[in-house]
């Protein structure tokens, strides 16, 4: 059977980085047909809990990416992930920490119901930040090497993929294969990039997809647009042109 080609919107993850259920519902209704997944992060989940996930599932065909970035002892992470698995989300995040056991506990706790994504290095982190944190020059002089090392941990632990910068997606795919997912935040269409970004390692949608990214987390360019729906359509078209 021929597998249908993904549409541009299928790559899009829109982060519901808002402070209330009302705002979350507004963006959910507005973008339901224009993106593939909605990302629920710490702020909204603390405010609304599982209710927002239930709402998205009941009102749209979009999937949910629960981005809580778990980081704790393995037993705690495993139990938390087993609770997350009951929510019916597509993906959930865990920091790639000091050892593999935490990641393995997350994968085991998911019961195969949730794709576990390892957070390698946050896109807001720069080489200078890593140097200040005490990392060896080998890693802060060549940050992608740290990303690859952590991706290796995630792969060996059974994770579905990792969160990485767009320009690192190609290396992830080359090293770990096309089935190991690369989910990239810090994506900015050319028409929105400015000098005041707090994301240090940004790429355009076309660059990220060409490099091998499977999903793109795109918030501000859509949320802050005069017409968010049209912005999402424009980005989806940019992705399709690059595929």
C-alpha atoms as a PDB file:
ATOM      1  CA  UNK A   1       0.000   0.000   0.000  1.00  0.00           C
ATOM      2  CA  UNK A   2       1.334   3.420  -0.914  1.00  0.00           C
ATOM      3  CA  UNK A   3       1.833   5.672   2.109  1.00  0.00           C
ATOM      4  CA  UNK A   4       0.209   9.078   1.523  1.00  0.00           C
ATOM      5  CA  UNK A   5       2.600  12.031   1.474  1.00  0.00           C
ATOM      6  CA  UNK A   6       2.487  14.225   4.558  1.00  0.00           C
ATOM      7  CA  UNK A   7       0.950  17.634   4.147  1.00  0.00           C
ATOM      8  CA  UNK A   8       2.762  20.723   5.346  1.00  0.00           C
ATOM      9  CA  UNK A   9       0.426  21.146   8.299  1.00  0.00           C
ATOM     10  CA  UNK A  10       1.258  17.621   9.521  1.00  0.00           C
ATOM     11  CA  UNK A  11       4.732  18.863  10.455  1.00  0.00           C
ATOM     12  CA  UNK A  12       3.378  21.753  12.524  1.00  0.00           C
ATOM     13  CA  UNK A  13       3.210  21.700  16.316  1.00  0.00           C
ATOM     14  CA  UNK A  14       1.619  24.800  17.777  1.00  0.00           C
ATOM     15  CA  UNK A  15       2.526  25.496  21.427  1.00  0.00           C
ATOM     16  CA  UNK A  16      -0.404  26.606  23.540  1.00  0.00           C
ATOM     17  CA  UNK A  17       1.840  28.831  25.634  1.00  0.00           C
ATOM     18  CA  UNK A  18      -1.014  30.763  27.192  1.00  0.00           C
ATOM     19  CA  UNK A  19      -2.157  31.359  30.747  1.00  0.00           C
ATOM     20  CA  UNK A  20      -5.822  30.342  30.696  1.00  0.00           C
ATOM     21  CA  UNK A  21      -8.251  27.749  29.428  1.00  0.00           C
ATOM     22  CA  UNK A  22     -10.124  30.484  27.562  1.00  0.00           C
ATOM     23  CA  UNK A  23      -7.065  31.499  25.559  1.00  0.00           C
ATOM     24  CA  UNK A  24      -6.160  27.876  24.913  1.00  0.00           C
ATOM     25  CA  UNK A  25      -9.655  27.162  23.613  1.00  0.00           C
ATOM     26  CA  UNK A  26      -9.522  30.205  21.342  1.00  0.00           C
ATOM     27  CA  UNK A  27      -6.297  29.121  19.658  1.00  0.00           C
ATOM     28  CA  UNK A  28      -7.463  25.510  19.511  1.00  0.00           C
ATOM     29  CA  UNK A  29     -10.614  26.499  17.659  1.00  0.00           C
ATOM     30  CA  UNK A  30      -8.749  28.952  15.438  1.00  0.00           C
ATOM     31  CA  UNK A  31      -5.981  26.577  14.349  1.00  0.00           C
ATOM     32  CA  UNK A  32      -7.636  23.158  14.609  1.00  0.00           C
ATOM     33  CA  UNK A  33      -7.575  22.501  10.870  1.00  0.00           C
ATOM     34  CA  UNK A  34      -4.242  24.198  10.173  1.00  0.00           C
ATOM     35  CA  UNK A  35      -1.758  22.263  12.318  1.00  0.00           C
ATOM     36  CA  UNK A  36      -0.982  18.641  13.169  1.00  0.00           C
ATOM     37  CA  UNK A  37      -0.431  18.819  16.917  1.00  0.00           C
ATOM     38  CA  UNK A  38      -1.012  21.146  19.822  1.00  0.00           C
ATOM     39  CA  UNK A  39       1.744  21.348  22.417  1.00  0.00           C
ATOM     40  CA  UNK A  40       0.682  21.654  26.046  1.00  0.00           C
ATOM     41  CA  UNK A  41       3.527  22.878  28.244  1.00  0.00           C
ATOM     42  CA  UNK A  42       4.103  23.465  31.930  1.00  0.00           C
ATOM     43  CA  UNK A  43       2.278  26.766  32.249  1.00  0.00           C
ATOM     44  CA  UNK A  44      -0.980  25.605  30.720  1.00  0.00           C
ATOM     45  CA  UNK A  45      -0.888  22.125  32.255  1.00  0.00           C
ATOM     46  CA  UNK A  46      -0.357  23.556  35.740  1.00  0.00           C
ATOM     47  CA  UNK A  47      -3.258  25.923  35.168  1.00  0.00           C
ATOM     48  CA  UNK A  48      -5.715  23.553  33.473  1.00  0.00           C
ATOM     49  CA  UNK A  49      -4.461  20.015  34.033  1.00  0.00           C
ATOM     50  CA  UNK A  50      -5.735  17.111  31.906  1.00  0.00           C
ATOM     51  CA  UNK A  51      -8.903  19.067  31.110  1.00  0.00           C
ATOM     52  CA  UNK A  52      -7.187  20.940  28.275  1.00  0.00           C
ATOM     53  CA  UNK A  53      -6.020  17.679  26.722  1.00  0.00           C
ATOM     54  CA  UNK A  54      -9.536  16.309  26.853  1.00  0.00           C
ATOM     55  CA  UNK A  55     -10.851  19.471  25.251  1.00  0.00           C
ATOM     56  CA  UNK A  56      -8.400  19.287  22.339  1.00  0.00           C
ATOM     57  CA  UNK A  57      -9.254  15.643  21.736  1.00  0.00           C
ATOM     58  CA  UNK A  58     -12.986  16.323  21.834  1.00  0.00           C
ATOM     59  CA  UNK A  59     -12.937  19.341  19.538  1.00  0.00           C
ATOM     60  CA  UNK A  60     -10.240  18.592  16.950  1.00  0.00           C
ATOM     61  CA  UNK A  61      -8.535  15.840  14.995  1.00  0.00           C
ATOM     62  CA  UNK A  62      -5.147  17.218  16.045  1.00  0.00           C
ATOM     63  CA  UNK A  63      -2.934  15.207  18.372  1.00  0.00           C
ATOM     64  CA  UNK A  64      -1.407  16.432  21.624  1.00  0.00           C
ATOM     65  CA  UNK A  65       2.253  16.808  22.522  1.00  0.00           C
ATOM     66  CA  UNK A  66       2.615  17.059  26.321  1.00  0.00           C
ATOM     67  CA  UNK A  67       5.829  18.967  26.956  1.00  0.00           C
ATOM     68  CA  UNK A  68       6.529  18.706  30.703  1.00  0.00           C
ATOM     69  CA  UNK A  69      10.244  17.878  30.373  1.00  0.00           C
ATOM     70  CA  UNK A  70      10.282  15.378  33.229  1.00  0.00           C
ATOM     71  CA  UNK A  71      13.543  15.133  35.172  1.00  0.00           C
ATOM     72  CA  UNK A  72      13.613  13.195  38.450  1.00  0.00           C
ATOM     73  CA  UNK A  73      14.666   9.868  39.880  1.00  0.00           C
ATOM     74  CA  UNK A  74      13.756   6.941  37.595  1.00  0.00           C
ATOM     75  CA  UNK A  75      10.953   5.594  39.796  1.00  0.00           C
ATOM     76  CA  UNK A  76       9.189   8.960  39.918  1.00  0.00           C
ATOM     77  CA  UNK A  77       9.548   9.552  36.189  1.00  0.00           C
ATOM     78  CA  UNK A  78       8.270   6.066  35.424  1.00  0.00           C
ATOM     79  CA  UNK A  79       5.155   6.520  37.564  1.00  0.00           C
ATOM     80  CA  UNK A  80       4.498   9.977  36.136  1.00  0.00           C
ATOM     81  CA  UNK A  81       4.768   8.661  32.598  1.00  0.00           C
ATOM     82  CA  UNK A  82       2.317   5.864  33.338  1.00  0.00           C
ATOM     83  CA  UNK A  83      -0.201   8.540  34.349  1.00  0.00           C
ATOM     84  CA  UNK A  84       0.558  10.515  31.192  1.00  0.00           C
ATOM     85  CA  UNK A  85      -0.042   7.379  29.125  1.00  0.00           C
ATOM     86  CA  UNK A  86      -3.642   7.366  30.339  1.00  0.00           C
ATOM     87  CA  UNK A  87      -4.214  10.813  28.788  1.00  0.00           C
ATOM     88  CA  UNK A  88      -3.963   9.621  25.187  1.00  0.00           C
ATOM     89  CA  UNK A  89      -1.242  12.063  24.119  1.00  0.00           C
ATOM     90  CA  UNK A  90       0.998  11.359  21.144  1.00  0.00           C
ATOM     91  CA  UNK A  91       4.297  12.535  22.636  1.00  0.00           C
ATOM     92  CA  UNK A  92       5.758  13.494  25.999  1.00  0.00           C
ATOM     93  CA  UNK A  93       9.179  14.883  26.900  1.00  0.00           C
ATOM     94  CA  UNK A  94      11.886  13.855  29.346  1.00  0.00           C
ATOM     95  CA  UNK A  95      15.215  15.584  29.845  1.00  0.00           C
ATOM     96  CA  UNK A  96      18.187  13.498  28.800  1.00  0.00           C
ATOM     97  CA  UNK A  97      19.881  13.690  32.182  1.00  0.00           C
ATOM     98  CA  UNK A  98      22.835  12.161  33.949  1.00  0.00           C
ATOM     99  CA  UNK A  99      22.020   8.512  33.324  1.00  0.00           C
ATOM    100  CA  UNK A 100      19.996   6.310  31.031  1.00  0.00           C
ATOM    101  CA  UNK A 101      17.874   4.725  33.753  1.00  0.00           C
ATOM    102  CA  UNK A 102      15.542   7.713  33.940  1.00  0.00           C
ATOM    103  CA  UNK A 103      14.857   7.504  30.210  1.00  0.00           C
ATOM    104  CA  UNK A 104      14.341   3.754  30.385  1.00  0.00           C
ATOM    105  CA  UNK A 105      11.856   4.261  33.232  1.00  0.00           C
ATOM    106  CA  UNK A 106       9.940   6.786  31.115  1.00  0.00           C
ATOM    107  CA  UNK A 107       9.770   4.389  28.170  1.00  0.00           C
ATOM    108  CA  UNK A 108       8.665   1.535  30.408  1.00  0.00           C
ATOM    109  CA  UNK A 109       6.078   3.712  32.143  1.00  0.00           C
ATOM    110  CA  UNK A 110       4.614   4.779  28.804  1.00  0.00           C
ATOM    111  CA  UNK A 111       3.562   1.213  28.067  1.00  0.00           C
ATOM    112  CA  UNK A 112       4.061   1.860  24.373  1.00  0.00           C
ATOM    113  CA  UNK A 113       1.161   4.327  24.364  1.00  0.00           C
ATOM    114  CA  UNK A 114       3.223   7.524  24.187  1.00  0.00           C
ATOM    115  CA  UNK A 115       6.231   8.471  22.080  1.00  0.00           C
ATOM    116  CA  UNK A 116       8.955   9.532  24.495  1.00  0.00           C
ATOM    117  CA  UNK A 117      11.090  12.412  23.255  1.00  0.00           C
ATOM    118  CA  UNK A 118      14.399  13.188  24.926  1.00  0.00           C
ATOM    119  CA  UNK A 119      15.269  16.851  25.414  1.00  0.00           C
ATOM    120  CA  UNK A 120      18.919  17.139  24.370  1.00  0.00           C
ATOM    121  CA  UNK A 121      20.006  20.788  24.705  1.00  0.00           C
ATOM    122  CA  UNK A 122      17.430  23.551  24.964  1.00  0.00           C
ATOM    123  CA  UNK A 123      17.511  25.914  21.986  1.00  0.00           C
ATOM    124  CA  UNK A 124      17.891  28.876  24.363  1.00  0.00           C
ATOM    125  CA  UNK A 125      21.257  27.476  25.536  1.00  0.00           C
ATOM    126  CA  UNK A 126      24.453  28.815  23.988  1.00  0.00           C
ATOM    127  CA  UNK A 127      28.047  27.608  24.095  1.00  0.00           C
ATOM    128  CA  UNK A 128      28.804  30.346  26.628  1.00  0.00           C
ATOM    129  CA  UNK A 129      26.036  29.020  28.876  1.00  0.00           C
ATOM    130  CA  UNK A 130      27.554  25.533  28.787  1.00  0.00           C
ATOM    131  CA  UNK A 131      31.013  26.895  29.533  1.00  0.00           C
ATOM    132  CA  UNK A 132      29.635  28.748  32.558  1.00  0.00           C
ATOM    133  CA  UNK A 133      27.944  25.549  33.722  1.00  0.00           C
ATOM    134  CA  UNK A 134      31.275  23.737  33.823  1.00  0.00           C
ATOM    135  CA  UNK A 135      31.102  21.627  30.668  1.00  0.00           C
ATOM    136  CA  UNK A 136      34.345  20.530  29.025  1.00  0.00           C
ATOM    137  CA  UNK A 137      35.544  22.531  25.985  1.00  0.00           C
ATOM    138  CA  UNK A 138      34.902  19.492  23.771  1.00  0.00           C
ATOM    139  CA  UNK A 139      31.174  20.035  24.260  1.00  0.00           C
ATOM    140  CA  UNK A 140      30.778  23.797  24.341  1.00  0.00           C
ATOM    141  CA  UNK A 141      33.175  24.318  21.414  1.00  0.00           C
ATOM    142  CA  UNK A 142      31.174  21.826  19.338  1.00  0.00           C
ATOM    143  CA  UNK A 143      27.673  21.842  20.821  1.00  0.00           C
ATOM    144  CA  UNK A 144      26.217  19.350  18.298  1.00  0.00           C
ATOM    145  CA  UNK A 145      28.515  16.719  19.802  1.00  0.00           C
ATOM    146  CA  UNK A 146      26.708  17.078  23.124  1.00  0.00           C
ATOM    147  CA  UNK A 147      23.375  16.818  21.301  1.00  0.00           C
ATOM    148  CA  UNK A 148      24.520  13.621  19.567  1.00  0.00           C
ATOM    149  CA  UNK A 149      25.807  12.112  22.794  1.00  0.00           C
ATOM    150  CA  UNK A 150      22.483  12.730  24.503  1.00  0.00           C
ATOM    151  CA  UNK A 151      20.561  11.496  21.475  1.00  0.00           C
ATOM    152  CA  UNK A 152      22.580   8.292  21.711  1.00  0.00           C
ATOM    153  CA  UNK A 153      21.420   7.883  25.324  1.00  0.00           C
ATOM    154  CA  UNK A 154      17.820   8.444  24.264  1.00  0.00           C
ATOM    155  CA  UNK A 155      18.085   5.975  21.400  1.00  0.00           C
ATOM    156  CA  UNK A 156      19.623   3.277  23.599  1.00  0.00           C
ATOM    157  CA  UNK A 157      16.898   3.809  26.204  1.00  0.00           C
ATOM    158  CA  UNK A 158      14.143   3.208  23.640  1.00  0.00           C
ATOM    159  CA  UNK A 159      12.916   6.767  23.145  1.00  0.00           C
ATOM    160  CA  UNK A 160      11.000   7.582  19.952  1.00  0.00           C
ATOM    161  CA  UNK A 161      13.231  10.550  19.223  1.00  0.00           C
ATOM    162  CA  UNK A 162      14.669  13.779  20.537  1.00  0.00           C
ATOM    163  CA  UNK A 163      14.124  17.492  20.696  1.00  0.00           C
ATOM    164  CA  UNK A 164      16.947  19.237  18.854  1.00  0.00           C
ATOM    165  CA  UNK A 165      17.733  22.399  16.913  1.00  0.00           C
ATOM    166  CA  UNK A 166      16.796  22.375  13.243  1.00  0.00           C
ATOM    167  CA  UNK A 167      20.359  22.371  11.941  1.00  0.00           C
ATOM    168  CA  UNK A 168      21.127  19.332  14.133  1.00  0.00           C
ATOM    169  CA  UNK A 169      18.316  17.236  12.644  1.00  0.00           C
ATOM    170  CA  UNK A 170      20.454  16.067   9.731  1.00  0.00           C
ATOM    171  CA  UNK A 171      23.139  14.697  12.031  1.00  0.00           C
ATOM    172  CA  UNK A 172      20.496  12.959  14.138  1.00  0.00           C
ATOM    173  CA  UNK A 173      19.053  11.253  11.070  1.00  0.00           C
ATOM    174  CA  UNK A 174      22.454  10.294   9.691  1.00  0.00           C
ATOM    175  CA  UNK A 175      23.557   8.770  12.985  1.00  0.00           C
ATOM    176  CA  UNK A 176      20.343   7.107  14.192  1.00  0.00           C
ATOM    177  CA  UNK A 177      18.198   6.520  11.105  1.00  0.00           C
ATOM    178  CA  UNK A 178      15.049   7.954   9.617  1.00  0.00           C
ATOM    179  CA  UNK A 179      12.730   6.293  12.151  1.00  0.00           C
ATOM    180  CA  UNK A 180      14.291   8.141  15.096  1.00  0.00           C
ATOM    181  CA  UNK A 181      12.263  11.337  15.330  1.00  0.00           C
ATOM    182  CA  UNK A 182      13.774  14.817  15.286  1.00  0.00           C
ATOM    183  CA  UNK A 183      11.407  17.438  16.721  1.00  0.00           C
ATOM    184  CA  UNK A 184      12.706  20.968  16.352  1.00  0.00           C
ATOM    185  CA  UNK A 185      11.742  24.131  18.246  1.00  0.00           C
ATOM    186  CA  UNK A 186      13.353  27.505  17.580  1.00  0.00           C
ATOM    187  CA  UNK A 187      11.838  27.618  14.091  1.00  0.00           C
ATOM    188  CA  UNK A 188      11.354  31.045  12.557  1.00  0.00           C
ATOM    189  CA  UNK A 189      10.137  31.768   9.017  1.00  0.00           C
ATOM    190  CA  UNK A 190      12.430  34.185   7.207  1.00  0.00           C
ATOM    191  CA  UNK A 191       9.798  36.887   7.372  1.00  0.00           C
ATOM    192  CA  UNK A 192       9.736  36.900  11.203  1.00  0.00           C
ATOM    193  CA  UNK A 193      13.390  36.625  12.276  1.00  0.00           C
ATOM    194  CA  UNK A 194      14.700  39.569  14.278  1.00  0.00           C
ATOM    195  CA  UNK A 195      17.678  40.407  16.457  1.00  0.00           C
ATOM    196  CA  UNK A 196      15.844  40.166  19.783  1.00  0.00           C
ATOM    197  CA  UNK A 197      15.191  36.425  19.784  1.00  0.00           C
ATOM    198  CA  UNK A 198      15.790  34.494  23.033  1.00  0.00           C
ATOM    199  CA  UNK A 199      16.230  31.323  20.986  1.00  0.00           C
ATOM    200  CA  UNK A 200      19.928  31.144  20.049  1.00  0.00           C
ATOM    201  CA  UNK A 201      19.875  28.283  17.553  1.00  0.00           C
ATOM    202  CA  UNK A 202      17.088  29.055  15.112  1.00  0.00           C
ATOM    203  CA  UNK A 203      16.354  27.812  11.594  1.00  0.00           C
ATOM    204  CA  UNK A 204      13.629  28.366   9.023  1.00  0.00           C
ATOM    205  CA  UNK A 205      10.912  25.754   8.391  1.00  0.00           C
ATOM    206  CA  UNK A 206      12.350  24.900   4.973  1.00  0.00           C
ATOM    207  CA  UNK A 207      15.873  24.490   6.368  1.00  0.00           C
ATOM    208  CA  UNK A 208      14.680  22.258   9.211  1.00  0.00           C
ATOM    209  CA  UNK A 209      12.573  19.962   7.020  1.00  0.00           C
ATOM    210  CA  UNK A 210      15.304  19.727   4.391  1.00  0.00           C
ATOM    211  CA  UNK A 211      17.725  18.719   7.156  1.00  0.00           C
ATOM    212  CA  UNK A 212      15.384  15.922   8.220  1.00  0.00           C
ATOM    213  CA  UNK A 213      13.152  17.341  10.954  1.00  0.00           C
ATOM    214  CA  UNK A 214       9.935  15.361  11.431  1.00  0.00           C
ATOM    215  CA  UNK A 215       8.022  18.001  13.386  1.00  0.00           C
ATOM    216  CA  UNK A 216       8.453  21.749  13.842  1.00  0.00           C
ATOM    217  CA  UNK A 217       7.386  23.594  16.975  1.00  0.00           C
ATOM    218  CA  UNK A 218       6.304  27.044  15.808  1.00  0.00           C
ATOM    219  CA  UNK A 219       4.664  29.459  18.212  1.00  0.00           C
ATOM    220  CA  UNK A 220       5.327  33.185  17.973  1.00  0.00           C
ATOM    221  CA  UNK A 221       5.261  33.506  14.170  1.00  0.00           C
ATOM    222  CA  UNK A 222       1.718  32.116  14.255  1.00  0.00           C
ATOM    223  CA  UNK A 223       0.474  33.444  17.593  1.00  0.00           C
ATOM    224  CA  UNK A 224       1.729  37.005  17.033  1.00  0.00           C
ATOM    225  CA  UNK A 225       0.626  37.242  13.420  1.00  0.00           C
ATOM    226  CA  UNK A 226      -2.165  39.576  12.416  1.00  0.00           C
ATOM    227  CA  UNK A 227      -3.955  36.507  11.029  1.00  0.00           C
ATOM    228  CA  UNK A 228      -2.720  33.350  12.847  1.00  0.00           C
ATOM    229  CA  UNK A 229      -4.605  30.983  10.550  1.00  0.00           C
ATOM    230  CA  UNK A 230      -3.067  32.532   7.444  1.00  0.00           C
ATOM    231  CA  UNK A 231       0.378  32.470   9.047  1.00  0.00           C
ATOM    232  CA  UNK A 232       0.006  28.722   9.696  1.00  0.00           C
ATOM    233  CA  UNK A 233      -1.083  28.175   6.090  1.00  0.00           C
ATOM    234  CA  UNK A 234       1.869  30.196   4.821  1.00  0.00           C
ATOM    235  CA  UNK A 235       4.319  28.154   6.889  1.00  0.00           C
ATOM    236  CA  UNK A 236       2.725  24.883   5.761  1.00  0.00           C
ATOM    237  CA  UNK A 237       3.152  25.970   2.158  1.00  0.00           C
ATOM    238  CA  UNK A 238       6.806  26.791   2.809  1.00  0.00           C
ATOM    239  CA  UNK A 239       7.274  23.285   4.209  1.00  0.00           C
ATOM    240  CA  UNK A 240       5.551  21.642   1.219  1.00  0.00           C
ATOM    241  CA  UNK A 241       7.757  23.594  -1.173  1.00  0.00           C
ATOM    242  CA  UNK A 242      10.821  22.222   0.622  1.00  0.00           C
ATOM    243  CA  UNK A 243       9.671  18.578   0.696  1.00  0.00           C
END
